[in-house]
Amino acid sequence: MKPDVDHDLCIGCGICEEECPEVFQIRDDGLAYVIDQNPEPELYGTIRDCEDMCPVDAISIQGE
């Protein structure tokens, strides 16, 4: 599983960072970034939740 954030869509709402700070981080530019390109399997469910909760569908998951 490889999470990705589309910065053209991201509005920096922070839901992903709040739910999974091990993988997502809002940076100074106000956008979310993936800080762990190869997350541990125990985070997969939380990452999927972040994908579902993103209000602008900026989060996608590769390799599923």
PDB file of N, CA and C in Angstrom:
ATOM      1  N   MET A   1       0.845  -1.176   0.000  1.00  0.00           N
ATOM      2  CA  MET A   1       0.000   0.000   0.000  1.00  0.00           C
ATOM      3  C   MET A   1       0.892   1.242   0.000  1.00  0.00           C
ATOM      4  N   LYS A   2       0.544   2.158  -0.913  1.00  0.00           N
ATOM      5  CA  LYS A   2       1.288   3.415  -0.979  1.00  0.00           C
ATOM      6  C   LYS A   2       0.287   4.570  -1.054  1.00  0.00           C
ATOM      7  N   PRO A   3       0.124   5.324   0.064  1.00  0.00           N
ATOM      8  CA  PRO A   3      -0.791   6.459   0.044  1.00  0.00           C
ATOM      9  C   PRO A   3      -0.208   7.622  -0.755  1.00  0.00           C
ATOM     10  N   ASP A   4      -1.096   8.428  -1.331  1.00  0.00           N
ATOM     11  CA  ASP A   4      -0.676   9.574  -2.131  1.00  0.00           C
ATOM     12  C   ASP A   4      -1.668  10.714  -1.902  1.00  0.00           C
ATOM     13  N   VAL A   5      -1.162  11.952  -1.979  1.00  0.00           N
ATOM     14  CA  VAL A   5      -2.010  13.136  -1.869  1.00  0.00           C
ATOM     15  C   VAL A   5      -1.861  13.949  -3.145  1.00  0.00           C
ATOM     16  N   ASP A   6      -2.979  14.251  -3.775  1.00  0.00           N
ATOM     17  CA  ASP A   6      -2.995  15.100  -4.971  1.00  0.00           C
ATOM     18  C   ASP A   6      -3.047  16.551  -4.502  1.00  0.00           C
ATOM     19  N   HIS A   7      -1.930  17.248  -4.649  1.00  0.00           N
ATOM     20  CA  HIS A   7      -1.845  18.623  -4.160  1.00  0.00           C
ATOM     21  C   HIS A   7      -2.679  19.597  -4.980  1.00  0.00           C
ATOM     22  N   ASP A   8      -3.105  19.210  -6.150  1.00  0.00           N
ATOM     23  CA  ASP A   8      -4.008  20.055  -6.932  1.00  0.00           C
ATOM     24  C   ASP A   8      -5.418  20.050  -6.342  1.00  0.00           C
ATOM     25  N   LEU A   9      -5.743  18.993  -5.584  1.00  0.00           N
ATOM     26  CA  LEU A   9      -7.064  18.870  -4.964  1.00  0.00           C
ATOM     27  C   LEU A   9      -7.065  19.227  -3.480  1.00  0.00           C
ATOM     28  N   CYS A  10      -5.956  18.995  -2.806  1.00  0.00           N
ATOM     29  CA  CYS A  10      -5.876  19.154  -1.350  1.00  0.00           C
ATOM     30  C   CYS A  10      -6.224  20.585  -0.932  1.00  0.00           C
ATOM     31  N   ILE A  11      -7.068  20.672   0.118  1.00  0.00           N
ATOM     32  CA  ILE A  11      -7.420  21.976   0.679  1.00  0.00           C
ATOM     33  C   ILE A  11      -6.840  22.143   2.090  1.00  0.00           C
ATOM     34  N   GLY A  12      -6.083  21.158   2.545  1.00  0.00           N
ATOM     35  CA  GLY A  12      -5.417  21.256   3.840  1.00  0.00           C
ATOM     36  C   GLY A  12      -6.344  21.267   5.033  1.00  0.00           C
ATOM     37  N   CYS A  13      -7.434  20.528   4.953  1.00  0.00           N
ATOM     38  CA  CYS A  13      -8.405  20.523   6.052  1.00  0.00           C
ATOM     39  C   CYS A  13      -7.840  19.861   7.309  1.00  0.00           C
ATOM     40  N   GLY A  14      -6.879  18.957   7.154  1.00  0.00           N
ATOM     41  CA  GLY A  14      -6.200  18.354   8.296  1.00  0.00           C
ATOM     42  C   GLY A  14      -6.802  17.080   8.838  1.00  0.00           C
ATOM     43  N   ILE A  15      -7.870  16.597   8.238  1.00  0.00           N
ATOM     44  CA  ILE A  15      -8.489  15.364   8.730  1.00  0.00           C
ATOM     45  C   ILE A  15      -7.499  14.203   8.678  1.00  0.00           C
ATOM     46  N   CYS A  16      -6.743  14.119   7.597  1.00  0.00           N
ATOM     47  CA  CYS A  16      -5.806  12.992   7.450  1.00  0.00           C
ATOM     48  C   CYS A  16      -4.719  13.030   8.521  1.00  0.00           C
ATOM     49  N   GLU A  17      -4.182  14.218   8.777  1.00  0.00           N
ATOM     50  CA  GLU A  17      -3.140  14.338   9.804  1.00  0.00           C
ATOM     51  C   GLU A  17      -3.706  14.036  11.186  1.00  0.00           C
ATOM     52  N   GLU A  18      -4.916  14.481  11.434  1.00  0.00           N
ATOM     53  CA  GLU A  18      -5.560  14.229  12.728  1.00  0.00           C
ATOM     54  C   GLU A  18      -5.786  12.735  12.941  1.00  0.00           C
ATOM     55  N   GLU A  19      -6.222  12.039  11.898  1.00  0.00           N
ATOM     56  CA  GLU A  19      -6.529  10.611  12.000  1.00  0.00           C
ATOM     57  C   GLU A  19      -5.286   9.725  11.944  1.00  0.00           C
ATOM     58  N   CYS A  20      -4.289  10.142  11.165  1.00  0.00           N
ATOM     59  CA  CYS A  20      -3.114   9.276  10.967  1.00  0.00           C
ATOM     60  C   CYS A  20      -1.832  10.119  10.844  1.00  0.00           C
ATOM     61  N   PRO A  21      -1.374  10.704  11.952  1.00  0.00           N
ATOM     62  CA  PRO A  21      -0.179  11.546  11.906  1.00  0.00           C
ATOM     63  C   PRO A  21       1.108  10.778  11.592  1.00  0.00           C
ATOM     64  N   GLU A  22       1.036   9.453  11.688  1.00  0.00           N
ATOM     65  CA  GLU A  22       2.208   8.645  11.339  1.00  0.00           C
ATOM     66  C   GLU A  22       2.474   8.683   9.836  1.00  0.00           C
ATOM     67  N   VAL A  23       1.432   8.997   9.052  1.00  0.00           N
ATOM     68  CA  VAL A  23       1.539   8.929   7.595  1.00  0.00           C
ATOM     69  C   VAL A  23       1.343  10.297   6.931  1.00  0.00           C
ATOM     70  N   PHE A  24       0.476  11.135   7.483  1.00  0.00           N
ATOM     71  CA  PHE A  24       0.138  12.409   6.850  1.00  0.00           C
ATOM     72  C   PHE A  24       0.559  13.590   7.714  1.00  0.00           C
ATOM     73  N   GLN A  25       0.985  14.662   7.042  1.00  0.00           N
ATOM     74  CA  GLN A  25       1.398  15.877   7.741  1.00  0.00           C
ATOM     75  C   GLN A  25       0.983  17.098   6.924  1.00  0.00           C
ATOM     76  N   ILE A  26       0.399  18.085   7.601  1.00  0.00           N
ATOM     77  CA  ILE A  26       0.110  19.358   6.967  1.00  0.00           C
ATOM     78  C   ILE A  26       1.360  20.219   7.126  1.00  0.00           C
ATOM     79  N   ARG A  27       1.866  20.707   6.013  1.00  0.00           N
ATOM     80  CA  ARG A  27       3.090  21.509   6.053  1.00  0.00           C
ATOM     81  C   ARG A  27       2.776  22.999   5.981  1.00  0.00           C
ATOM     82  N   ASP A  28       3.826  23.792   6.030  1.00  0.00           N
ATOM     83  CA  ASP A  28       3.686  25.246   6.069  1.00  0.00           C
ATOM     84  C   ASP A  28       2.912  25.816   4.886  1.00  0.00           C
ATOM     85  N   ASP A  29       2.906  25.099   3.765  1.00  0.00           N
ATOM     86  CA  ASP A  29       2.160  25.591   2.604  1.00  0.00           C
ATOM     87  C   ASP A  29       0.661  25.291   2.709  1.00  0.00           C
ATOM     88  N   GLY A  30       0.251  24.643   3.814  1.00  0.00           N
ATOM     89  CA  GLY A  30      -1.151  24.362   4.057  1.00  0.00           C
ATOM     90  C   GLY A  30      -1.674  23.105   3.395  1.00  0.00           C
ATOM     91  N   LEU A  31      -0.795  22.309   2.800  1.00  0.00           N
ATOM     92  CA  LEU A  31      -1.202  21.084   2.116  1.00  0.00           C
ATOM     93  C   LEU A  31      -0.739  19.855   2.881  1.00  0.00           C
ATOM     94  N   ALA A  32      -1.444  18.756   2.666  1.00  0.00           N
ATOM     95  CA  ALA A  32      -1.080  17.489   3.292  1.00  0.00           C
ATOM     96  C   ALA A  32      -0.007  16.792   2.469  1.00  0.00           C
ATOM     97  N   TYR A  33       0.896  16.138   3.175  1.00  0.00           N
ATOM     98  CA  TYR A  33       1.964  15.366   2.541  1.00  0.00           C
ATOM     99  C   TYR A  33       2.035  13.992   3.179  1.00  0.00           C
ATOM    100  N   VAL A  34       2.448  13.017   2.397  1.00  0.00           N
ATOM    101  CA  VAL A  34       2.688  11.672   2.908  1.00  0.00           C
ATOM    102  C   VAL A  34       4.112  11.651   3.444  1.00  0.00           C
ATOM    103  N   ILE A  35       4.255  11.359   4.723  1.00  0.00           N
ATOM    104  CA  ILE A  35       5.583  11.341   5.330  1.00  0.00           C
ATOM    105  C   ILE A  35       6.105   9.917   5.523  1.00  0.00           C
ATOM    106  N   ASP A  36       5.267   8.926   5.268  1.00  0.00           N
ATOM    107  CA  ASP A  36       5.691   7.521   5.323  1.00  0.00           C
ATOM    108  C   ASP A  36       5.173   6.828   4.067  1.00  0.00           C
ATOM    109  N   GLN A  37       6.042   6.666   3.090  1.00  0.00           N
ATOM    110  CA  GLN A  37       5.669   6.071   1.811  1.00  0.00           C
ATOM    111  C   GLN A  37       5.387   4.570   1.900  1.00  0.00           C
ATOM    112  N   ASN A  38       5.865   3.931   2.954  1.00  0.00           N
ATOM    113  CA  ASN A  38       5.669   2.487   3.138  1.00  0.00           C
ATOM    114  C   ASN A  38       5.167   2.214   4.548  1.00  0.00           C
ATOM    115  N   PRO A  39       3.914   2.577   4.822  1.00  0.00           N
ATOM    116  CA  PRO A  39       3.397   2.410   6.184  1.00  0.00           C
ATOM    117  C   PRO A  39       3.256   0.941   6.582  1.00  0.00           C
ATOM    118  N   GLU A  40       3.284   0.747   7.874  1.00  0.00           N
ATOM    119  CA  GLU A  40       3.114  -0.596   8.429  1.00  0.00           C
ATOM    120  C   GLU A  40       1.682  -1.074   8.193  1.00  0.00           C
ATOM    121  N   PRO A  41       1.508  -2.376   8.021  1.00  0.00           N
ATOM    122  CA  PRO A  41       0.174  -2.931   7.755  1.00  0.00           C
ATOM    123  C   PRO A  41      -0.882  -2.566   8.798  1.00  0.00           C
ATOM    124  N   GLU A  42      -0.490  -2.356  10.037  1.00  0.00           N
ATOM    125  CA  GLU A  42      -1.492  -2.023  11.054  1.00  0.00           C
ATOM    126  C   GLU A  42      -2.120  -0.644  10.835  1.00  0.00           C
ATOM    127  N   LEU A  43      -1.525   0.172   9.966  1.00  0.00           N
ATOM    128  CA  LEU A  43      -2.076   1.489   9.653  1.00  0.00           C
ATOM    129  C   LEU A  43      -2.982   1.476   8.419  1.00  0.00           C
ATOM    130  N   TYR A  44      -3.056   0.371   7.711  1.00  0.00           N
ATOM    131  CA  TYR A  44      -3.806   0.319   6.452  1.00  0.00           C
ATOM    132  C   TYR A  44      -5.269   0.728   6.622  1.00  0.00           C
ATOM    133  N   GLY A  45      -5.914   0.241   7.660  1.00  0.00           N
ATOM    134  CA  GLY A  45      -7.321   0.578   7.879  1.00  0.00           C
ATOM    135  C   GLY A  45      -7.511   2.068   8.122  1.00  0.00           C
ATOM    136  N   THR A  46      -6.619   2.657   8.904  1.00  0.00           N
ATOM    137  CA  THR A  46      -6.695   4.089   9.187  1.00  0.00           C
ATOM    138  C   THR A  46      -6.443   4.901   7.931  1.00  0.00           C
ATOM    139  N   ILE A  47      -5.516   4.464   7.104  1.00  0.00           N
ATOM    140  CA  ILE A  47      -5.225   5.164   5.852  1.00  0.00           C
ATOM    141  C   ILE A  47      -6.438   5.095   4.926  1.00  0.00           C
ATOM    142  N   ARG A  48      -7.074   3.945   4.863  1.00  0.00           N
ATOM    143  CA  ARG A  48      -8.302   3.821   4.055  1.00  0.00           C
ATOM    144  C   ARG A  48      -9.392   4.749   4.581  1.00  0.00           C
ATOM    145  N   ASP A  49      -9.483   4.859   5.904  1.00  0.00           N
ATOM    146  CA  ASP A  49     -10.457   5.787   6.498  1.00  0.00           C
ATOM    147  C   ASP A  49     -10.154   7.219   6.078  1.00  0.00           C
ATOM    148  N   CYS A  50      -8.886   7.593   6.076  1.00  0.00           N
ATOM    149  CA  CYS A  50      -8.491   8.935   5.652  1.00  0.00           C
ATOM    150  C   CYS A  50      -8.879   9.170   4.194  1.00  0.00           C
ATOM    151  N   GLU A  51      -8.675   8.179   3.364  1.00  0.00           N
ATOM    152  CA  GLU A  51      -9.064   8.287   1.954  1.00  0.00           C
ATOM    153  C   GLU A  51     -10.577   8.535   1.858  1.00  0.00           C
ATOM    154  N   ASP A  52     -11.352   7.806   2.641  1.00  0.00           N
ATOM    155  CA  ASP A  52     -12.811   7.944   2.621  1.00  0.00           C
ATOM    156  C   ASP A  52     -13.279   9.287   3.187  1.00  0.00           C
ATOM    157  N   MET A  53     -12.578   9.804   4.187  1.00  0.00           N
ATOM    158  CA  MET A  53     -12.998  11.033   4.860  1.00  0.00           C
ATOM    159  C   MET A  53     -12.560  12.309   4.150  1.00  0.00           C
ATOM    160  N   CYS A  54     -11.594  12.217   3.259  1.00  0.00           N
ATOM    161  CA  CYS A  54     -11.095  13.425   2.594  1.00  0.00           C
ATOM    162  C   CYS A  54     -12.245  14.083   1.817  1.00  0.00           C
ATOM    163  N   PRO A  55     -12.568  15.339   2.152  1.00  0.00           N
ATOM    164  CA  PRO A  55     -13.729  15.971   1.528  1.00  0.00           C
ATOM    165  C   PRO A  55     -13.570  16.296   0.047  1.00  0.00           C
ATOM    166  N   VAL A  56     -12.328  16.296  -0.436  1.00  0.00           N
ATOM    167  CA  VAL A  56     -12.098  16.629  -1.850  1.00  0.00           C
ATOM    168  C   VAL A  56     -11.461  15.479  -2.626  1.00  0.00           C
ATOM    169  N   ASP A  57     -11.451  14.291  -2.029  1.00  0.00           N
ATOM    170  CA  ASP A  57     -10.889  13.081  -2.655  1.00  0.00           C
ATOM    171  C   ASP A  57      -9.451  13.274  -3.114  1.00  0.00           C
ATOM    172  N   ALA A  58      -8.652  13.972  -2.299  1.00  0.00           N
ATOM    173  CA  ALA A  58      -7.257  14.206  -2.636  1.00  0.00           C
ATOM    174  C   ALA A  58      -6.348  13.031  -2.289  1.00  0.00           C
ATOM    175  N   ILE A  59      -6.825  12.140  -1.436  1.00  0.00           N
ATOM    176  CA  ILE A  59      -6.017  10.992  -1.012  1.00  0.00           C
ATOM    177  C   ILE A  59      -6.378   9.774  -1.836  1.00  0.00           C
ATOM    178  N   SER A  60      -5.340   9.136  -2.353  1.00  0.00           N
ATOM    179  CA  SER A  60      -5.545   7.878  -3.076  1.00  0.00           C
ATOM    180  C   SER A  60      -4.550   6.864  -2.533  1.00  0.00           C
ATOM    181  N   ILE A  61      -4.825   5.616  -2.829  1.00  0.00           N
ATOM    182  CA  ILE A  61      -3.957   4.523  -2.380  1.00  0.00           C
ATOM    183  C   ILE A  61      -3.542   3.728  -3.602  1.00  0.00           C
ATOM    184  N   GLN A  62      -2.242   3.605  -3.784  1.00  0.00           N
ATOM    185  CA  GLN A  62      -1.693   2.818  -4.886  1.00  0.00           C
ATOM    186  C   GLN A  62      -1.334   1.431  -4.361  1.00  0.00           C
ATOM    187  N   GLY A  63      -1.363   0.471  -5.238  1.00  0.00           N
ATOM    188  CA  GLY A  63      -0.911  -0.869  -4.883  1.00  0.00           C
ATOM    189  C   GLY A  63      -1.936  -1.719  -4.175  1.00  0.00           C
ATOM    190  N   GLU A  64      -3.209  -1.464  -4.424  1.00  0.00           N
ATOM    191  CA  GLU A  64      -4.246  -2.313  -3.826  1.00  0.00           C
ATOM    192  C   GLU A  64      -4.978  -3.041  -4.911  1.00  0.00           C
TER     193      GLU A  64
END
